[in-house]
Amino acid sequence: MTINPELPIQFSLTHRLQWEEAQQKNVILYPEGMVELNESSAEILKLCDGTRNLTQIVSDLEHKFSTSGLTNDITAFLEVALQNGWINQN
């Protein structure tokens, strides 16, 4: 599975992204378990709202963090997220 850069990316409806106070981290909760996220991963997933495609997510994060050259890292993470069912593209 690869990310289609043209299609919007949406966080999975069967998973929940939330701040976990006890662990002081963002996590993905799903019926079978939980995944702890680092800050970068959480920032990417927060933008997967079904309205933004890959280019828009990269642009928003590069603007937010005043940097450039994030395309490869964000694409690689989103491909892992897609393979794990955390996001989808329809």
C-alpha atoms as a PDB file:
ATOM      1  CA  MET A   1       0.000   0.000   0.000  1.00  0.00           C
ATOM      2  CA  THR A   2       1.218   3.435  -0.851  1.00  0.00           C
ATOM      3  CA  ILE A   3      -0.158   6.888  -0.230  1.00  0.00           C
ATOM      4  CA  ASN A   4      -1.920   8.424  -3.204  1.00  0.00           C
ATOM      5  CA  PRO A   5      -0.772  12.068  -3.035  1.00  0.00           C
ATOM      6  CA  GLU A   6      -3.943  13.268  -4.743  1.00  0.00           C
ATOM      7  CA  LEU A   7      -6.482  11.801  -2.326  1.00  0.00           C
ATOM      8  CA  PRO A   8      -7.474  13.194   1.072  1.00  0.00           C
ATOM      9  CA  ILE A   9      -6.211  11.261   4.085  1.00  0.00           C
ATOM     10  CA  GLN A  10      -8.535  10.459   6.961  1.00  0.00           C
ATOM     11  CA  PHE A  11      -7.800   9.054  10.379  1.00  0.00           C
ATOM     12  CA  SER A  12      -9.504   5.689  10.811  1.00  0.00           C
ATOM     13  CA  LEU A  13     -13.013   5.703  12.232  1.00  0.00           C
ATOM     14  CA  THR A  14     -12.199   2.508  14.165  1.00  0.00           C
ATOM     15  CA  HIS A  15      -9.243   4.113  15.956  1.00  0.00           C
ATOM     16  CA  ARG A  16      -9.040   7.070  18.287  1.00  0.00           C
ATOM     17  CA  LEU A  17      -6.195   9.567  18.575  1.00  0.00           C
ATOM     18  CA  GLN A  18      -5.986  11.118  22.018  1.00  0.00           C
ATOM     19  CA  TRP A  19      -3.681  12.583  24.641  1.00  0.00           C
ATOM     20  CA  GLU A  20      -2.965  10.023  27.374  1.00  0.00           C
ATOM     21  CA  GLU A  21      -2.334  11.916  30.585  1.00  0.00           C
ATOM     22  CA  ALA A  22      -0.799   8.957  32.435  1.00  0.00           C
ATOM     23  CA  GLN A  23       1.856   8.491  29.751  1.00  0.00           C
ATOM     24  CA  GLN A  24       2.173  12.145  28.778  1.00  0.00           C
ATOM     25  CA  LYS A  25       1.910  11.120  25.126  1.00  0.00           C
ATOM     26  CA  ASN A  26      -0.535  11.040  22.275  1.00  0.00           C
ATOM     27  CA  VAL A  27      -1.723   7.528  21.602  1.00  0.00           C
ATOM     28  CA  ILE A  28      -3.838   5.622  19.140  1.00  0.00           C
ATOM     29  CA  LEU A  29      -6.504   3.553  20.853  1.00  0.00           C
ATOM     30  CA  TYR A  30      -8.248   0.673  19.127  1.00  0.00           C
ATOM     31  CA  PRO A  31     -10.124  -2.409  20.323  1.00  0.00           C
ATOM     32  CA  GLU A  32      -7.046  -4.634  20.338  1.00  0.00           C
ATOM     33  CA  GLY A  33      -4.670  -2.231  22.006  1.00  0.00           C
ATOM     34  CA  MET A  34      -2.835   1.056  22.041  1.00  0.00           C
ATOM     35  CA  VAL A  35       0.077   2.622  20.170  1.00  0.00           C
ATOM     36  CA  GLU A  36       2.192   5.343  21.769  1.00  0.00           C
ATOM     37  CA  LEU A  37       3.188   8.134  19.392  1.00  0.00           C
ATOM     38  CA  ASN A  38       6.092  10.527  19.377  1.00  0.00           C
ATOM     39  CA  GLU A  39       5.320  14.223  18.855  1.00  0.00           C
ATOM     40  CA  SER A  40       6.040  14.188  15.125  1.00  0.00           C
ATOM     41  CA  SER A  41       3.753  11.254  14.450  1.00  0.00           C
ATOM     42  CA  ALA A  42       0.953  12.810  16.471  1.00  0.00           C
ATOM     43  CA  GLU A  43       1.268  16.133  14.616  1.00  0.00           C
ATOM     44  CA  ILE A  44       0.984  14.327  11.276  1.00  0.00           C
ATOM     45  CA  LEU A  45      -2.023  12.261  12.317  1.00  0.00           C
ATOM     46  CA  LYS A  46      -3.850  15.299  13.727  1.00  0.00           C
ATOM     47  CA  LEU A  47      -3.935  16.684  10.184  1.00  0.00           C
ATOM     48  CA  CYS A  48      -5.458  13.508   8.718  1.00  0.00           C
ATOM     49  CA  ASP A  49      -8.981  14.910   8.914  1.00  0.00           C
ATOM     50  CA  GLY A  50     -10.257  13.812   5.521  1.00  0.00           C
ATOM     51  CA  THR A  51      -9.865  17.261   3.967  1.00  0.00           C
ATOM     52  CA  ARG A  52      -6.094  17.349   3.364  1.00  0.00           C
ATOM     53  CA  ASN A  53      -3.999  15.320   0.937  1.00  0.00           C
ATOM     54  CA  LEU A  54      -0.299  14.555   1.355  1.00  0.00           C
ATOM     55  CA  THR A  55       0.861  17.828  -0.184  1.00  0.00           C
ATOM     56  CA  GLN A  56      -1.380  19.872   2.091  1.00  0.00           C
ATOM     57  CA  ILE A  57      -0.263  17.985   5.197  1.00  0.00           C
ATOM     58  CA  VAL A  58       3.401  18.504   4.314  1.00  0.00           C
ATOM     59  CA  SER A  59       2.811  22.183   3.580  1.00  0.00           C
ATOM     60  CA  ASP A  60       0.917  22.752   6.834  1.00  0.00           C
ATOM     61  CA  LEU A  61       3.622  21.064   8.928  1.00  0.00           C
ATOM     62  CA  GLU A  62       6.489  22.809   7.150  1.00  0.00           C
ATOM     63  CA  HIS A  63       4.739  26.129   7.777  1.00  0.00           C
ATOM     64  CA  LYS A  64       3.931  25.295  11.432  1.00  0.00           C
ATOM     65  CA  PHE A  65       7.509  24.293  12.226  1.00  0.00           C
ATOM     66  CA  SER A  66       9.207  26.799   9.888  1.00  0.00           C
ATOM     67  CA  THR A  67      11.135  24.135   8.029  1.00  0.00           C
ATOM     68  CA  SER A  68      11.231  22.399   4.656  1.00  0.00           C
ATOM     69  CA  GLY A  69      12.111  19.024   3.197  1.00  0.00           C
ATOM     70  CA  LEU A  70       9.621  16.977   5.225  1.00  0.00           C
ATOM     71  CA  THR A  71       7.965  15.216   2.287  1.00  0.00           C
ATOM     72  CA  ASN A  72       9.941  11.962   2.446  1.00  0.00           C
ATOM     73  CA  ASP A  73       9.637  11.543   6.223  1.00  0.00           C
ATOM     74  CA  ILE A  74       5.915  12.331   6.275  1.00  0.00           C
ATOM     75  CA  THR A  75       5.242  10.061   3.306  1.00  0.00           C
ATOM     76  CA  ALA A  76       7.139   7.191   4.934  1.00  0.00           C
ATOM     77  CA  PHE A  77       5.230   7.593   8.195  1.00  0.00           C
ATOM     78  CA  LEU A  78       1.856   7.820   6.441  1.00  0.00           C
ATOM     79  CA  GLU A  79       2.600   4.652   4.483  1.00  0.00           C
ATOM     80  CA  VAL A  80       3.220   2.829   7.771  1.00  0.00           C
ATOM     81  CA  ALA A  81       0.024   4.369   9.169  1.00  0.00           C
ATOM     82  CA  LEU A  82      -1.898   3.211   6.098  1.00  0.00           C
ATOM     83  CA  GLN A  83      -0.519  -0.322   6.368  1.00  0.00           C
ATOM     84  CA  ASN A  84      -1.498  -0.434  10.055  1.00  0.00           C
ATOM     85  CA  GLY A  85      -5.019   0.794   9.323  1.00  0.00           C
ATOM     86  CA  TRP A  86      -4.617   4.042  11.293  1.00  0.00           C
ATOM     87  CA  ILE A  87      -5.561   6.110   8.245  1.00  0.00           C
ATOM     88  CA  ASN A  88      -7.388   5.518   5.001  1.00  0.00           C
ATOM     89  CA  GLN A  89      -7.910   7.107   1.609  1.00  0.00           C
ATOM     90  CA  ASN A  90     -11.178   6.730  -0.223  1.00  0.00           C
END
